[in-house]
Amino acid sequence: MKKLLPQVDEWYRRRLRMVIWKQWKRIGARLRNLIKLGIAKYKAREYANTRKGYWHTANSPILSTSITNERLKQAGYIFFTDHYRKVGVN
């Protein structure tokens, strides 16, 4: 489980980022939200206009630096490895 859960968590976080990106349907919404998350305006404009697919964009550096793991935890998402450590199952 110690080897499997980090891989599952990586996939889970990427999937969450993809869903969030998908919810920001329009370019204007993506631009506003990226700027809110602290991305420079010119970079936010560049990434908001991307033609890449949702899954590809979810793995991009722009989303992994703006929608960080800490932000996902603050939003209330629970990761499997954290829960596994908390429960303390050996």
PDB file of N, CA and C in Angstrom:
ATOM      1  N   MET A   1       0.827  -1.204   0.000  1.00  0.00           N
ATOM      2  CA  MET A   1       0.000   0.000   0.000  1.00  0.00           C
ATOM      3  C   MET A   1       0.867   1.262   0.000  1.00  0.00           C
ATOM      4  N   LYS A   2       2.018   1.211   0.656  1.00  0.00           N
ATOM      5  CA  LYS A   2       2.852   2.409   0.722  1.00  0.00           C
ATOM      6  C   LYS A   2       3.360   2.829  -0.650  1.00  0.00           C
ATOM      7  N   LYS A   3       3.508   1.893  -1.563  1.00  0.00           N
ATOM      8  CA  LYS A   3       3.951   2.223  -2.914  1.00  0.00           C
ATOM      9  C   LYS A   3       2.770   2.568  -3.821  1.00  0.00           C
ATOM     10  N   LEU A   4       1.644   1.954  -3.571  1.00  0.00           N
ATOM     11  CA  LEU A   4       0.486   2.150  -4.435  1.00  0.00           C
ATOM     12  C   LEU A   4      -0.220   3.485  -4.168  1.00  0.00           C
ATOM     13  N   LEU A   5      -0.384   3.837  -2.914  1.00  0.00           N
ATOM     14  CA  LEU A   5      -1.164   5.042  -2.580  1.00  0.00           C
ATOM     15  C   LEU A   5      -0.572   6.343  -3.114  1.00  0.00           C
ATOM     16  N   PRO A   6       0.746   6.552  -3.092  1.00  0.00           N
ATOM     17  CA  PRO A   6       1.257   7.797  -3.701  1.00  0.00           C
ATOM     18  C   PRO A   6       0.948   7.901  -5.192  1.00  0.00           C
ATOM     19  N   GLN A   7       0.974   6.777  -5.899  1.00  0.00           N
ATOM     20  CA  GLN A   7       0.639   6.800  -7.324  1.00  0.00           C
ATOM     21  C   GLN A   7      -0.836   7.126  -7.528  1.00  0.00           C
ATOM     22  N   VAL A   8      -1.676   6.551  -6.693  1.00  0.00           N
ATOM     23  CA  VAL A   8      -3.115   6.832  -6.778  1.00  0.00           C
ATOM     24  C   VAL A   8      -3.381   8.297  -6.439  1.00  0.00           C
ATOM     25  N   ASP A   9      -2.664   8.820  -5.455  1.00  0.00           N
ATOM     26  CA  ASP A   9      -2.813  10.228  -5.082  1.00  0.00           C
ATOM     27  C   ASP A   9      -2.409  11.157  -6.223  1.00  0.00           C
ATOM     28  N   GLU A  10      -1.339  10.832  -6.930  1.00  0.00           N
ATOM     29  CA  GLU A  10      -0.919  11.652  -8.069  1.00  0.00           C
ATOM     30  C   GLU A  10      -2.024  11.708  -9.116  1.00  0.00           C
ATOM     31  N   TRP A  11      -2.581  10.552  -9.426  1.00  0.00           N
ATOM     32  CA  TRP A  11      -3.656  10.495 -10.412  1.00  0.00           C
ATOM     33  C   TRP A  11      -4.869  11.286  -9.921  1.00  0.00           C
ATOM     34  N   TYR A  12      -5.198  11.130  -8.634  1.00  0.00           N
ATOM     35  CA  TYR A  12      -6.353  11.795  -8.021  1.00  0.00           C
ATOM     36  C   TYR A  12      -6.193  13.319  -8.072  1.00  0.00           C
ATOM     37  N   ARG A  13      -5.018  13.814  -7.736  1.00  0.00           N
ATOM     38  CA  ARG A  13      -4.790  15.261  -7.777  1.00  0.00           C
ATOM     39  C   ARG A  13      -4.862  15.795  -9.209  1.00  0.00           C
ATOM     40  N   ARG A  14      -4.323  15.031 -10.140  1.00  0.00           N
ATOM     41  CA  ARG A  14      -4.402  15.460 -11.537  1.00  0.00           C
ATOM     42  C   ARG A  14      -5.857  15.487 -12.000  1.00  0.00           C
ATOM     43  N   ARG A  15      -6.618  14.502 -11.590  1.00  0.00           N
ATOM     44  CA  ARG A  15      -8.034  14.449 -11.953  1.00  0.00           C
ATOM     45  C   ARG A  15      -8.792  15.631 -11.341  1.00  0.00           C
ATOM     46  N   LEU A  16      -8.486  15.975 -10.098  1.00  0.00           N
ATOM     47  CA  LEU A  16      -9.132  17.132  -9.468  1.00  0.00           C
ATOM     48  C   LEU A  16      -8.804  18.418 -10.218  1.00  0.00           C
ATOM     49  N   ARG A  17      -7.537  18.573 -10.596  1.00  0.00           N
ATOM     50  CA  ARG A  17      -7.153  19.763 -11.355  1.00  0.00           C
ATOM     51  C   ARG A  17      -7.872  19.803 -12.699  1.00  0.00           C
ATOM     52  N   MET A  18      -8.045  18.649 -13.312  1.00  0.00           N
ATOM     53  CA  MET A  18      -8.749  18.592 -14.589  1.00  0.00           C
ATOM     54  C   MET A  18     -10.200  19.026 -14.417  1.00  0.00           C
ATOM     55  N   VAL A  19     -10.848  18.557 -13.364  1.00  0.00           N
ATOM     56  CA  VAL A  19     -12.245  18.912 -13.121  1.00  0.00           C
ATOM     57  C   VAL A  19     -12.378  20.407 -12.847  1.00  0.00           C
ATOM     58  N   ILE A  20     -11.458  20.942 -12.066  1.00  0.00           N
ATOM     59  CA  ILE A  20     -11.490  22.386 -11.777  1.00  0.00           C
ATOM     60  C   ILE A  20     -11.303  23.183 -13.065  1.00  0.00           C
ATOM     61  N   TRP A  21     -10.345  22.772 -13.892  1.00  0.00           N
ATOM     62  CA  TRP A  21     -10.101  23.460 -15.167  1.00  0.00           C
ATOM     63  C   TRP A  21     -11.328  23.379 -16.056  1.00  0.00           C
ATOM     64  N   LYS A  22     -11.994  22.245 -16.025  1.00  0.00           N
ATOM     65  CA  LYS A  22     -13.185  22.046 -16.845  1.00  0.00           C
ATOM     66  C   LYS A  22     -14.338  22.928 -16.348  1.00  0.00           C
ATOM     67  N   GLN A  23     -14.413  23.154 -15.045  1.00  0.00           N
ATOM     68  CA  GLN A  23     -15.473  23.997 -14.490  1.00  0.00           C
ATOM     69  C   GLN A  23     -15.284  25.456 -14.893  1.00  0.00           C
ATOM     70  N   TRP A  24     -14.039  25.866 -15.091  1.00  0.00           N
ATOM     71  CA  TRP A  24     -13.778  27.215 -15.584  1.00  0.00           C
ATOM     72  C   TRP A  24     -13.916  27.169 -17.100  1.00  0.00           C
ATOM     73  N   LYS A  25     -15.126  27.115 -17.598  1.00  0.00           N
ATOM     74  CA  LYS A  25     -15.390  26.793 -19.000  1.00  0.00           C
ATOM     75  C   LYS A  25     -14.836  27.816 -19.982  1.00  0.00           C
ATOM     76  N   ARG A  26     -14.983  29.062 -19.668  1.00  0.00           N
ATOM     77  CA  ARG A  26     -14.643  30.095 -20.645  1.00  0.00           C
ATOM     78  C   ARG A  26     -13.263  30.682 -20.380  1.00  0.00           C
ATOM     79  N   ILE A  27     -12.716  31.269 -21.407  1.00  0.00           N
ATOM     80  CA  ILE A  27     -11.370  31.833 -21.320  1.00  0.00           C
ATOM     81  C   ILE A  27     -11.317  32.922 -20.258  1.00  0.00           C
ATOM     82  N   GLY A  28     -12.355  33.742 -20.194  1.00  0.00           N
ATOM     83  CA  GLY A  28     -12.386  34.821 -19.198  1.00  0.00           C
ATOM     84  C   GLY A  28     -12.383  34.298 -17.777  1.00  0.00           C
ATOM     85  N   ALA A  29     -13.124  33.237 -17.534  1.00  0.00           N
ATOM     86  CA  ALA A  29     -13.158  32.640 -16.200  1.00  0.00           C
ATOM     87  C   ALA A  29     -11.807  32.036 -15.847  1.00  0.00           C
ATOM     88  N   ARG A  30     -11.190  31.389 -16.812  1.00  0.00           N
ATOM     89  CA  ARG A  30      -9.869  30.804 -16.572  1.00  0.00           C
ATOM     90  C   ARG A  30      -8.850  31.893 -16.272  1.00  0.00           C
ATOM     91  N   LEU A  31      -8.910  32.970 -17.033  1.00  0.00           N
ATOM     92  CA  LEU A  31      -7.988  34.083 -16.838  1.00  0.00           C
ATOM     93  C   LEU A  31      -8.152  34.693 -15.455  1.00  0.00           C
ATOM     94  N   ARG A  32      -9.385  34.993 -15.083  1.00  0.00           N
ATOM     95  CA  ARG A  32      -9.650  35.584 -13.761  1.00  0.00           C
ATOM     96  C   ARG A  32      -9.178  34.679 -12.635  1.00  0.00           C
ATOM     97  N   ASN A  33      -9.495  33.401 -12.731  1.00  0.00           N
ATOM     98  CA  ASN A  33      -9.148  32.478 -11.657  1.00  0.00           C
ATOM     99  C   ASN A  33      -7.648  32.241 -11.560  1.00  0.00           C
ATOM    100  N   LEU A  34      -6.963  32.186 -12.681  1.00  0.00           N
ATOM    101  CA  LEU A  34      -5.508  32.035 -12.637  1.00  0.00           C
ATOM    102  C   LEU A  34      -4.847  33.263 -12.025  1.00  0.00           C
ATOM    103  N   ILE A  35      -5.351  34.448 -12.363  1.00  0.00           N
ATOM    104  CA  ILE A  35      -4.809  35.677 -11.772  1.00  0.00           C
ATOM    105  C   ILE A  35      -5.072  35.701 -10.273  1.00  0.00           C
ATOM    106  N   LYS A  36      -6.268  35.253  -9.849  1.00  0.00           N
ATOM    107  CA  LYS A  36      -6.581  35.172  -8.418  1.00  0.00           C
ATOM    108  C   LYS A  36      -5.626  34.246  -7.684  1.00  0.00           C
ATOM    109  N   LEU A  37      -5.203  33.196  -8.361  1.00  0.00           N
ATOM    110  CA  LEU A  37      -4.314  32.217  -7.747  1.00  0.00           C
ATOM    111  C   LEU A  37      -2.851  32.651  -7.775  1.00  0.00           C
ATOM    112  N   GLY A  38      -2.578  33.829  -8.300  1.00  0.00           N
ATOM    113  CA  GLY A  38      -1.231  34.383  -8.220  1.00  0.00           C
ATOM    114  C   GLY A  38      -0.368  34.204  -9.449  1.00  0.00           C
ATOM    115  N   ILE A  39      -0.945  33.841 -10.566  1.00  0.00           N
ATOM    116  CA  ILE A  39      -0.184  33.693 -11.804  1.00  0.00           C
ATOM    117  C   ILE A  39      -0.080  35.066 -12.468  1.00  0.00           C
ATOM    118  N   ALA A  40       1.074  35.351 -13.047  1.00  0.00           N
ATOM    119  CA  ALA A  40       1.272  36.623 -13.741  1.00  0.00           C
ATOM    120  C   ALA A  40       0.264  36.763 -14.877  1.00  0.00           C
ATOM    121  N   LYS A  41      -0.133  38.003 -15.128  1.00  0.00           N
ATOM    122  CA  LYS A  41      -1.203  38.262 -16.091  1.00  0.00           C
ATOM    123  C   LYS A  41      -0.884  37.732 -17.494  1.00  0.00           C
ATOM    124  N   TYR A  42       0.338  37.939 -17.953  1.00  0.00           N
ATOM    125  CA  TYR A  42       0.686  37.485 -19.306  1.00  0.00           C
ATOM    126  C   TYR A  42       0.704  35.958 -19.387  1.00  0.00           C
ATOM    127  N   LYS A  43       1.172  35.286 -18.324  1.00  0.00           N
ATOM    128  CA  LYS A  43       1.169  33.822 -18.310  1.00  0.00           C
ATOM    129  C   LYS A  43      -0.251  33.291 -18.196  1.00  0.00           C
ATOM    130  N   ALA A  44      -1.065  33.951 -17.389  1.00  0.00           N
ATOM    131  CA  ALA A  44      -2.456  33.531 -17.232  1.00  0.00           C
ATOM    132  C   ALA A  44      -3.194  33.645 -18.560  1.00  0.00           C
ATOM    133  N   ARG A  45      -2.940  34.716 -19.298  1.00  0.00           N
ATOM    134  CA  ARG A  45      -3.581  34.888 -20.600  1.00  0.00           C
ATOM    135  C   ARG A  45      -3.129  33.798 -21.570  1.00  0.00           C
ATOM    136  N   GLU A  46      -1.850  33.478 -21.504  1.00  0.00           N
ATOM    137  CA  GLU A  46      -1.308  32.437 -22.387  1.00  0.00           C
ATOM    138  C   GLU A  46      -1.942  31.073 -22.090  1.00  0.00           C
ATOM    139  N   TYR A  47      -2.052  30.730 -20.836  1.00  0.00           N
ATOM    140  CA  TYR A  47      -2.599  29.422 -20.466  1.00  0.00           C
ATOM    141  C   TYR A  47      -4.117  29.367 -20.560  1.00  0.00           C
ATOM    142  N   ALA A  48      -4.788  30.484 -20.353  1.00  0.00           N
ATOM    143  CA  ALA A  48      -6.245  30.490 -20.488  1.00  0.00           C
ATOM    144  C   ALA A  48      -6.659  30.223 -21.929  1.00  0.00           C
ATOM    145  N   ASN A  49      -5.806  30.597 -22.868  1.00  0.00           N
ATOM    146  CA  ASN A  49      -6.105  30.415 -24.298  1.00  0.00           C
ATOM    147  C   ASN A  49      -5.562  29.117 -24.869  1.00  0.00           C
ATOM    148  N   THR A  50      -5.111  28.229 -24.024  1.00  0.00           N
ATOM    149  CA  THR A  50      -4.524  26.990 -24.532  1.00  0.00           C
ATOM    150  C   THR A  50      -5.559  26.145 -25.265  1.00  0.00           C
ATOM    151  N   ARG A  51      -5.085  25.434 -26.272  1.00  0.00           N
ATOM    152  CA  ARG A  51      -5.972  24.561 -27.038  1.00  0.00           C
ATOM    153  C   ARG A  51      -5.766  23.102 -26.656  1.00  0.00           C
ATOM    154  N   LYS A  52      -4.930  22.875 -25.687  1.00  0.00           N
ATOM    155  CA  LYS A  52      -4.657  21.503 -25.254  1.00  0.00           C
ATOM    156  C   LYS A  52      -5.867  20.957 -24.511  1.00  0.00           C
ATOM    157  N   GLY A  53      -5.940  19.655 -24.428  1.00  0.00           N
ATOM    158  CA  GLY A  53      -7.067  19.012 -23.769  1.00  0.00           C
ATOM    159  C   GLY A  53      -7.023  19.188 -22.260  1.00  0.00           C
ATOM    160  N   TYR A  54      -8.129  18.855 -21.620  1.00  0.00           N
ATOM    161  CA  TYR A  54      -8.242  19.013 -20.170  1.00  0.00           C
ATOM    162  C   TYR A  54      -7.208  18.175 -19.428  1.00  0.00           C
ATOM    163  N   TRP A  55      -7.049  16.922 -19.841  1.00  0.00           N
ATOM    164  CA  TRP A  55      -6.139  16.019 -19.141  1.00  0.00           C
ATOM    165  C   TRP A  55      -4.695  16.481 -19.298  1.00  0.00           C
ATOM    166  N   HIS A  56      -4.335  16.955 -20.456  1.00  0.00           N
ATOM    167  CA  HIS A  56      -2.980  17.455 -20.692  1.00  0.00           C
ATOM    168  C   HIS A  56      -2.727  18.719 -19.881  1.00  0.00           C
ATOM    169  N   THR A  57      -3.687  19.608 -19.853  1.00  0.00           N
ATOM    170  CA  THR A  57      -3.544  20.864 -19.124  1.00  0.00           C
ATOM    171  C   THR A  57      -3.458  20.624 -17.622  1.00  0.00           C
ATOM    172  N   ALA A  58      -4.144  19.599 -17.143  1.00  0.00           N
ATOM    173  CA  ALA A  58      -4.131  19.306 -15.709  1.00  0.00           C
ATOM    174  C   ALA A  58      -2.746  18.926 -15.227  1.00  0.00           C
ATOM    175  N   ASN A  59      -1.895  18.450 -16.119  1.00  0.00           N
ATOM    176  CA  ASN A  59      -0.540  18.048 -15.752  1.00  0.00           C
ATOM    177  C   ASN A  59       0.473  19.154 -16.029  1.00  0.00           C
ATOM    178  N   SER A  60       0.010  20.293 -16.510  1.00  0.00           N
ATOM    179  CA  SER A  60       0.913  21.379 -16.865  1.00  0.00           C
ATOM    180  C   SER A  60       1.463  22.054 -15.612  1.00  0.00           C
ATOM    181  N   PRO A  61       2.618  22.686 -15.741  1.00  0.00           N
ATOM    182  CA  PRO A  61       3.201  23.373 -14.579  1.00  0.00           C
ATOM    183  C   PRO A  61       2.327  24.512 -14.061  1.00  0.00           C
ATOM    184  N   ILE A  62       1.566  25.141 -14.937  1.00  0.00           N
ATOM    185  CA  ILE A  62       0.762  26.278 -14.508  1.00  0.00           C
ATOM    186  C   ILE A  62      -0.315  25.852 -13.519  1.00  0.00           C
ATOM    187  N   LEU A  63      -0.961  24.730 -13.739  1.00  0.00           N
ATOM    188  CA  LEU A  63      -1.995  24.287 -12.806  1.00  0.00           C
ATOM    189  C   LEU A  63      -1.397  23.660 -11.559  1.00  0.00           C
ATOM    190  N   SER A  64      -0.277  22.973 -11.696  1.00  0.00           N
ATOM    191  CA  SER A  64       0.309  22.362 -10.504  1.00  0.00           C
ATOM    192  C   SER A  64       0.942  23.407  -9.589  1.00  0.00           C
ATOM    193  N   THR A  65       1.305  24.586 -10.124  1.00  0.00           N
ATOM    194  CA  THR A  65       1.824  25.637  -9.260  1.00  0.00           C
ATOM    195  C   THR A  65       0.726  26.554  -8.735  1.00  0.00           C
ATOM    196  N   SER A  66      -0.389  26.638  -9.447  1.00  0.00           N
ATOM    197  CA  SER A  66      -1.468  27.505  -8.975  1.00  0.00           C
ATOM    198  C   SER A  66      -2.461  26.740  -8.101  1.00  0.00           C
ATOM    199  N   ILE A  67      -2.825  25.549  -8.507  1.00  0.00           N
ATOM    200  CA  ILE A  67      -3.709  24.714  -7.689  1.00  0.00           C
ATOM    201  C   ILE A  67      -2.812  23.689  -6.997  1.00  0.00           C
ATOM    202  N   THR A  68      -2.177  24.108  -5.927  1.00  0.00           N
ATOM    203  CA  THR A  68      -1.209  23.256  -5.238  1.00  0.00           C
ATOM    204  C   THR A  68      -1.919  22.210  -4.381  1.00  0.00           C
ATOM    205  N   ASN A  69      -1.138  21.272  -3.887  1.00  0.00           N
ATOM    206  CA  ASN A  69      -1.687  20.244  -3.016  1.00  0.00           C
ATOM    207  C   ASN A  69      -2.257  20.870  -1.739  1.00  0.00           C
ATOM    208  N   GLU A  70      -1.602  21.900  -1.233  1.00  0.00           N
ATOM    209  CA  GLU A  70      -2.091  22.566  -0.025  1.00  0.00           C
ATOM    210  C   GLU A  70      -3.440  23.238  -0.273  1.00  0.00           C
ATOM    211  N   ARG A  71      -3.605  23.834  -1.434  1.00  0.00           N
ATOM    212  CA  ARG A  71      -4.895  24.462  -1.769  1.00  0.00           C
ATOM    213  C   ARG A  71      -6.002  23.419  -1.877  1.00  0.00           C
ATOM    214  N   LEU A  72      -5.659  22.261  -2.431  1.00  0.00           N
ATOM    215  CA  LEU A  72      -6.652  21.196  -2.525  1.00  0.00           C
ATOM    216  C   LEU A  72      -7.041  20.699  -1.135  1.00  0.00           C
ATOM    217  N   LYS A  73      -6.053  20.613  -0.236  1.00  0.00           N
ATOM    218  CA  LYS A  73      -6.357  20.197   1.140  1.00  0.00           C
ATOM    219  C   LYS A  73      -7.231  21.234   1.834  1.00  0.00           C
ATOM    220  N   GLN A  74      -6.934  22.517   1.610  1.00  0.00           N
ATOM    221  CA  GLN A  74      -7.745  23.582   2.205  1.00  0.00           C
ATOM    222  C   GLN A  74      -9.167  23.546   1.677  1.00  0.00           C
ATOM    223  N   ALA A  75      -9.332  23.097   0.456  1.00  0.00           N
ATOM    224  CA  ALA A  75     -10.666  23.004  -0.143  1.00  0.00           C
ATOM    225  C   ALA A  75     -11.447  21.827   0.421  1.00  0.00           C
ATOM    226  N   GLY A  76     -10.763  20.949   1.174  1.00  0.00           N
ATOM    227  CA  GLY A  76     -11.462  19.856   1.830  1.00  0.00           C
ATOM    228  C   GLY A  76     -11.241  18.491   1.215  1.00  0.00           C
ATOM    229  N   TYR A  77     -10.354  18.403   0.233  1.00  0.00           N
ATOM    230  CA  TYR A  77     -10.079  17.107  -0.382  1.00  0.00           C
ATOM    231  C   TYR A  77      -9.123  16.309   0.500  1.00  0.00           C
ATOM    232  N   ILE A  78      -9.415  15.047   0.654  1.00  0.00           N
ATOM    233  CA  ILE A  78      -8.614  14.156   1.488  1.00  0.00           C
ATOM    234  C   ILE A  78      -7.795  13.259   0.573  1.00  0.00           C
ATOM    235  N   PHE A  79      -6.505  13.130   0.866  1.00  0.00           N
ATOM    236  CA  PHE A  79      -5.640  12.272   0.065  1.00  0.00           C
ATOM    237  C   PHE A  79      -5.463  10.940   0.759  1.00  0.00           C
ATOM    238  N   PHE A  80      -5.290   9.911  -0.039  1.00  0.00           N
ATOM    239  CA  PHE A  80      -5.239   8.546   0.478  1.00  0.00           C
ATOM    240  C   PHE A  80      -4.027   8.313   1.373  1.00  0.00           C
ATOM    241  N   THR A  81      -2.865   8.844   0.992  1.00  0.00           N
ATOM    242  CA  THR A  81      -1.668   8.618   1.808  1.00  0.00           C
ATOM    243  C   THR A  81      -1.802   9.299   3.170  1.00  0.00           C
ATOM    244  N   ASP A  82      -2.377  10.489   3.201  1.00  0.00           N
ATOM    245  CA  ASP A  82      -2.580  11.171   4.486  1.00  0.00           C
ATOM    246  C   ASP A  82      -3.521  10.376   5.378  1.00  0.00           C
ATOM    247  N   HIS A  83      -4.570   9.876   4.802  1.00  0.00           N
ATOM    248  CA  HIS A  83      -5.525   9.083   5.574  1.00  0.00           C
ATOM    249  C   HIS A  83      -4.879   7.781   6.053  1.00  0.00           C
ATOM    250  N   TYR A  84      -4.078   7.183   5.202  1.00  0.00           N
ATOM    251  CA  TYR A  84      -3.389   5.935   5.542  1.00  0.00           C
ATOM    252  C   TYR A  84      -2.442   6.164   6.721  1.00  0.00           C
ATOM    253  N   ARG A  85      -1.715   7.270   6.690  1.00  0.00           N
ATOM    254  CA  ARG A  85      -0.798   7.596   7.803  1.00  0.00           C
ATOM    255  C   ARG A  85      -1.580   7.908   9.071  1.00  0.00           C
ATOM    256  N   LYS A  86      -2.713   8.578   8.933  1.00  0.00           N
ATOM    257  CA  LYS A  86      -3.516   8.960  10.084  1.00  0.00           C
ATOM    258  C   LYS A  86      -4.093   7.728  10.779  1.00  0.00           C
ATOM    259  N   VAL A  87      -4.586   6.801   9.988  1.00  0.00           N
ATOM    260  CA  VAL A  87      -5.178   5.583  10.539  1.00  0.00           C
ATOM    261  C   VAL A  87      -4.088   4.703  11.142  1.00  0.00           C
ATOM    262  N   GLY A  88      -2.895   4.726  10.541  1.00  0.00           N
ATOM    263  CA  GLY A  88      -1.772   3.996  11.092  1.00  0.00           C
ATOM    264  C   GLY A  88      -1.848   2.495  10.898  1.00  0.00           C
ATOM    265  N   VAL A  89      -2.447   2.053   9.803  1.00  0.00           N
ATOM    266  CA  VAL A  89      -2.536   0.634   9.526  1.00  0.00           C
ATOM    267  C   VAL A  89      -1.182   0.150   9.052  1.00  0.00           C
ATOM    268  N   ASN A  90      -0.708  -0.942   9.623  1.00  0.00           N
ATOM    269  CA  ASN A  90       0.586  -1.506   9.203  1.00  0.00           C
ATOM    270  C   ASN A  90       0.384  -2.751   8.413  1.00  0.00           C
TER     271      ASN A  90
END
